[in-house]
Amino acid sequence: MRRTPSWFALTVSVVLLVPLVVVVGMAFNPGAYSVFPPQGLSTRWFEAAWSNPSFRRALGLSVQIAGITVVVGLALALPAALAVVRGAPRVRRAVQAMTFGPLVVPEVLLGLGILILVNRVAGVGNAGVWSIVVGHVLVGIPLAMQVLIAGLSGMSPQLERAAWTLGASRMQAFVRVTLPLAAPAIASAALFLFIFSFDNVSMSLFLSRPGSTPLPIYMYQYIQYRADPTVAAMSTLLIVVGLVAALLVGRLGGLTQIAGRSKK
């Protein structure tokens, strides 16, 4: 039997979508100021955003940081998720305590701590990009592990044991059996990490430096001194990218796996 959405859920959805509609509407405004509803339809601000070298540089840096965060985050989150799913109870509790700890600490405090560590303890004066990556990885690993644990929990360890009995080593069984079966969960975790790193503001605000400013921070700085719809146009492009990423995550089954695991 198909259930109809409740009025509460519908209201929450509308409240969440209204700001996006306002931003998209302002992006198409032909005037020199951000106005809603728009006074017409024009794509001039999309062209202005893309032709701005500072926006392109910040966009490229955000993609670079997010890409490194995905690689490093998966390299750490996948073994940790395997330890949680298949490890001994003591190992499971220790890994969960270490990996889920950053979720308890506010991102602002983590960013401030990493800033002090990098600048004063490590003696690195301008390690903006790598300090941002470290911060994003710290907070992103628990998010990736949720997806990986959900995907790995649905896999039977008997499949690897069957490969062992057929002569495969543990590494061969992991590469040829476990990784292909876990590929949808890994891809979903990678998308989660990329989106989180790309959109992060609170931690990047502390750790960015002149010349290493990610796109969200540059957009925040831009609207402090200008009122044109350039930022709205760039935000609209990011909304489209986010919707595509959400569709990919849903297609890969990441959200379904998490929901299914939470019901067990």
Protein backbone atom coordinates (compact mmCIF):
# COMPACT_ATOMS: atom_id res chain seq x y z
CA MET A 1 0.00 0.00 0.00
CA ARG A 2 1.44 3.33 -1.05
CA ARG A 3 1.64 5.90 1.71
CA THR A 4 1.02 9.57 1.10
CA PRO A 5 3.51 12.02 2.65
CA SER A 6 2.40 13.66 5.85
CA TRP A 7 1.73 17.39 6.03
CA PHE A 8 4.68 17.80 8.37
CA ALA A 9 7.09 16.17 5.93
CA LEU A 10 5.64 18.19 3.07
CA THR A 11 6.00 21.42 5.05
CA VAL A 12 9.62 20.66 5.93
CA SER A 13 10.39 19.90 2.28
CA VAL A 14 8.87 23.18 1.15
CA VAL A 15 10.79 25.15 3.79
CA LEU A 16 14.02 23.53 2.65
CA LEU A 17 13.36 24.13 -1.04
CA VAL A 18 12.20 27.76 -0.86
CA PRO A 19 15.73 29.20 -0.36
CA LEU A 20 16.94 27.25 -3.39
CA VAL A 21 14.11 28.63 -5.51
CA VAL A 22 15.00 32.16 -4.40
CA VAL A 23 18.67 31.69 -5.28
CA VAL A 24 17.87 30.24 -8.71
CA GLY A 25 15.42 33.06 -9.40
CA MET A 26 18.00 35.73 -8.51
CA ALA A 27 20.58 34.07 -10.77
CA PHE A 28 18.45 34.80 -13.86
CA ASN A 29 17.75 38.42 -12.93
CA PRO A 30 19.05 40.72 -15.73
CA GLY A 31 19.60 43.68 -13.40
CA ALA A 32 22.79 44.60 -11.58
CA TYR A 33 21.45 43.64 -8.15
CA SER A 34 20.14 40.46 -6.55
CA VAL A 35 16.35 40.80 -6.69
CA PHE A 36 13.57 38.28 -6.21
CA PRO A 37 11.30 37.76 -8.02
CA PRO A 38 13.51 38.40 -11.06
CA GLN A 39 12.66 41.35 -13.29
CA GLY A 40 13.30 39.27 -16.39
CA LEU A 41 15.33 36.32 -17.61
CA SER A 42 18.99 36.53 -18.54
CA THR A 43 22.05 34.29 -18.40
CA ARG A 44 24.53 37.18 -18.22
CA TRP A 45 25.51 36.40 -14.66
CA PHE A 46 26.29 32.78 -15.48
CA GLU A 47 28.67 34.05 -18.14
CA ALA A 48 30.11 36.59 -15.68
CA ALA A 49 30.70 33.89 -13.05
CA TRP A 50 32.42 31.55 -15.49
CA SER A 51 34.54 34.30 -17.06
CA ASN A 52 35.76 35.47 -13.64
CA PRO A 53 39.26 33.99 -13.19
CA SER A 54 38.99 34.14 -9.41
CA PHE A 55 35.84 32.00 -9.47
CA ARG A 56 37.47 29.49 -11.81
CA ARG A 57 40.60 29.34 -9.66
CA ALA A 58 38.57 28.82 -6.48
CA LEU A 59 36.44 26.17 -8.23
CA GLY A 60 39.53 24.29 -9.38
CA LEU A 61 41.00 24.41 -5.88
CA SER A 62 37.76 23.10 -4.35
CA VAL A 63 37.70 20.21 -6.82
CA GLN A 64 41.35 19.47 -6.04
CA ILE A 65 40.79 19.49 -2.28
CA ALA A 66 37.66 17.36 -2.59
CA GLY A 67 39.46 14.87 -4.83
CA ILE A 68 42.33 14.46 -2.37
CA THR A 69 39.83 14.16 0.48
CA VAL A 70 38.04 11.35 -1.36
CA VAL A 71 41.25 9.37 -1.96
CA VAL A 72 42.63 9.80 1.56
CA GLY A 73 39.23 9.40 3.21
CA LEU A 74 38.43 6.14 1.43
CA ALA A 75 41.92 4.77 2.12
CA LEU A 76 41.26 5.28 5.84
CA ALA A 77 37.50 4.66 6.02
CA LEU A 78 37.41 1.33 4.16
CA PRO A 79 39.79 -0.56 6.51
CA ALA A 80 38.06 1.04 9.48
CA ALA A 81 34.65 -0.06 8.20
CA LEU A 82 35.96 -3.60 7.69
CA ALA A 83 37.28 -3.59 11.28
CA VAL A 84 33.87 -2.49 12.56
CA VAL A 85 31.93 -5.06 10.52
CA ARG A 86 34.23 -8.08 10.86
CA GLY A 87 36.55 -7.27 13.74
CA ALA A 88 36.47 -8.51 17.30
CA PRO A 89 34.23 -6.62 19.75
CA ARG A 90 37.17 -4.80 21.34
CA VAL A 91 38.55 -3.79 17.97
CA ARG A 92 35.10 -2.67 16.86
CA ARG A 93 34.60 -0.45 19.90
CA ALA A 94 38.08 1.07 19.61
CA VAL A 95 37.70 1.87 15.90
CA GLN A 96 34.24 3.35 16.42
CA ALA A 97 35.49 5.55 19.26
CA MET A 98 38.40 6.86 17.20
CA THR A 99 36.59 7.40 13.91
CA PHE A 100 33.28 8.76 15.18
CA GLY A 101 34.91 11.05 17.75
CA PRO A 102 35.25 14.03 15.34
CA LEU A 103 31.46 14.12 14.96
CA VAL A 104 31.11 15.02 18.65
CA VAL A 105 33.49 17.98 18.44
CA PRO A 106 32.16 21.07 16.60
CA GLU A 107 33.86 21.70 13.27
CA VAL A 108 34.81 25.20 14.36
CA LEU A 109 36.85 23.82 17.27
CA LEU A 110 38.45 21.20 15.04
CA GLY A 111 39.37 23.86 12.50
CA LEU A 112 40.85 26.07 15.20
CA GLY A 113 42.83 23.16 16.64
CA ILE A 114 44.23 22.18 13.26
CA LEU A 115 45.10 25.83 12.58
CA ILE A 116 47.09 26.06 15.82
CA LEU A 117 48.75 22.68 15.17
CA VAL A 118 49.83 23.57 11.65
CA ASN A 119 50.99 27.12 12.29
CA ARG A 120 52.59 26.83 15.72
CA VAL A 121 53.44 23.23 16.50
CA ALA A 122 54.40 21.99 13.03
CA GLY A 123 55.91 25.33 12.06
CA VAL A 124 54.27 25.36 8.64
CA GLY A 125 53.32 28.94 7.84
CA ASN A 126 51.28 28.52 4.67
CA ALA A 127 49.97 24.95 4.41
CA GLY A 128 46.47 26.01 3.55
CA VAL A 129 45.52 23.25 1.11
CA TRP A 130 46.86 20.36 3.16
CA SER A 131 45.47 21.66 6.42
CA ILE A 132 42.05 21.92 4.75
CA VAL A 133 42.40 18.35 3.50
CA VAL A 134 43.28 17.11 6.99
CA GLY A 135 40.24 18.85 8.45
CA HIS A 136 37.89 17.56 5.77
CA VAL A 137 39.20 14.01 6.13
CA LEU A 138 38.76 14.06 9.92
CA VAL A 139 35.09 14.99 9.68
CA GLY A 140 34.39 13.15 6.43
CA ILE A 141 35.59 9.71 7.54
CA PRO A 142 32.62 9.06 9.89
CA LEU A 143 30.20 10.01 7.11
CA ALA A 144 31.90 7.68 4.64
CA MET A 145 32.01 4.89 7.20
CA GLN A 146 28.24 5.00 7.66
CA VAL A 147 27.79 4.15 3.99
CA LEU A 148 30.61 1.60 3.91
CA ILE A 149 29.43 -0.18 7.06
CA ALA A 150 25.91 -0.36 5.65
CA GLY A 151 27.21 -1.86 2.40
CA LEU A 152 29.64 -4.29 4.01
CA SER A 153 27.08 -5.47 6.58
CA GLY A 154 24.95 -6.87 3.77
CA MET A 155 27.80 -9.01 2.43
CA SER A 156 28.32 -12.53 3.66
CA PRO A 157 31.88 -13.32 4.84
CA GLN A 158 31.30 -16.83 3.56
CA LEU A 159 32.02 -15.58 0.04
CA GLU A 160 35.60 -14.70 0.96
CA ARG A 161 36.01 -17.99 2.80
CA ALA A 162 34.82 -19.83 -0.28
CA ALA A 163 37.50 -18.03 -2.29
CA TRP A 164 40.11 -19.08 0.30
CA THR A 165 39.10 -22.73 -0.04
CA LEU A 166 39.56 -22.41 -3.81
CA GLY A 167 43.17 -21.34 -3.37
CA ALA A 168 42.92 -17.55 -3.27
CA SER A 169 44.95 -15.63 -0.74
CA ARG A 170 43.30 -13.15 1.63
CA MET A 171 44.39 -10.24 -0.54
CA GLN A 172 43.19 -11.92 -3.74
CA ALA A 173 39.83 -12.71 -2.14
CA PHE A 174 39.50 -9.13 -0.96
CA VAL A 175 40.38 -7.64 -4.36
CA ARG A 176 38.40 -10.07 -6.52
CA VAL A 177 35.40 -10.78 -4.27
CA THR A 178 34.90 -8.13 -1.60
CA LEU A 179 35.79 -4.99 -3.55
CA PRO A 180 33.52 -5.73 -6.56
CA LEU A 181 30.59 -6.47 -4.24
CA ALA A 182 31.27 -3.34 -2.19
CA ALA A 183 31.77 -1.12 -5.26
CA PRO A 184 28.33 0.60 -4.99
CA ALA A 185 28.92 1.44 -1.32
CA ILE A 186 32.45 2.67 -2.06
CA ALA A 187 31.20 4.87 -4.89
CA SER A 188 28.44 6.27 -2.67
CA ALA A 189 30.94 6.98 0.12
CA ALA A 190 33.21 8.73 -2.39
CA LEU A 191 30.34 10.97 -3.50
CA PHE A 192 29.47 11.78 0.10
CA LEU A 193 33.08 12.71 0.82
CA PHE A 194 33.33 14.84 -2.32
CA ILE A 195 30.12 16.75 -1.62
CA PHE A 196 31.00 17.30 2.03
CA SER A 197 34.48 18.57 1.22
CA PHE A 198 33.34 20.72 -1.69
CA ASP A 199 30.58 22.44 0.30
CA ASN A 200 32.36 22.76 3.64
CA VAL A 201 32.50 26.30 5.02
CA SER A 202 33.00 26.24 8.79
CA MET A 203 36.32 24.38 8.77
CA SER A 204 37.63 25.84 5.50
CA LEU A 205 37.02 29.34 6.85
CA PHE A 206 39.68 28.77 9.52
CA LEU A 207 42.17 26.86 7.39
CA SER A 208 42.16 28.70 4.06
CA ARG A 209 44.95 31.11 3.19
CA PRO A 210 45.42 33.84 0.56
CA GLY A 211 46.00 31.96 -2.68
CA SER A 212 44.35 28.79 -1.32
CA THR A 213 40.73 29.91 -0.95
CA PRO A 214 38.08 27.27 -1.80
CA LEU A 215 34.99 28.28 -3.74
CA PRO A 216 32.51 28.47 -0.78
CA ILE A 217 34.87 30.79 1.12
CA TYR A 218 35.50 32.95 -1.94
CA MET A 219 31.75 33.23 -2.55
CA TYR A 220 31.27 34.29 1.07
CA GLN A 221 33.96 36.94 0.70
CA TYR A 222 32.52 38.10 -2.63
CA ILE A 223 29.05 38.91 -1.30
CA GLN A 224 30.53 41.00 1.50
CA TYR A 225 31.47 43.73 -0.97
CA ARG A 226 29.25 43.13 -4.02
CA ALA A 227 25.49 42.76 -4.49
CA ASP A 228 25.30 41.46 -8.07
CA PRO A 229 23.80 38.01 -8.84
CA THR A 230 27.15 36.43 -9.77
CA VAL A 231 27.21 34.36 -6.59
CA ALA A 232 23.58 33.34 -7.17
CA ALA A 233 24.52 32.12 -10.65
CA MET A 234 27.44 30.10 -9.33
CA SER A 235 25.23 28.75 -6.53
CA THR A 236 22.68 27.64 -9.13
CA LEU A 237 25.36 25.70 -10.96
CA LEU A 238 26.37 24.05 -7.68
CA ILE A 239 22.72 23.20 -6.96
CA VAL A 240 22.53 21.41 -10.30
CA VAL A 241 25.75 19.51 -9.53
CA GLY A 242 24.39 18.59 -6.10
CA LEU A 243 21.16 17.26 -7.59
CA VAL A 244 23.12 15.13 -10.05
CA ALA A 245 25.29 13.81 -7.23
CA ALA A 246 22.20 13.01 -5.14
CA LEU A 247 20.70 11.11 -8.06
CA LEU A 248 23.94 9.16 -8.45
CA VAL A 249 24.00 8.29 -4.74
CA GLY A 250 20.40 7.13 -4.94
CA ARG A 251 21.19 5.16 -8.08
CA LEU A 252 24.12 3.45 -6.40
CA GLY A 253 21.98 2.58 -3.40
CA GLY A 254 23.93 4.49 -0.74
CA LEU A 255 20.91 6.06 0.94
CA THR A 256 18.90 2.85 0.60
CA GLN A 257 21.66 0.87 2.31
CA ILE A 258 21.81 3.31 5.22
CA ALA A 259 18.04 3.28 5.63
CA GLY A 260 17.93 -0.49 5.43
CA ARG A 261 20.65 -0.84 8.03
CA SER A 262 18.93 1.53 10.43
CA LYS A 263 15.80 -0.62 10.39
CA LYS A 264 17.63 -3.72 11.43
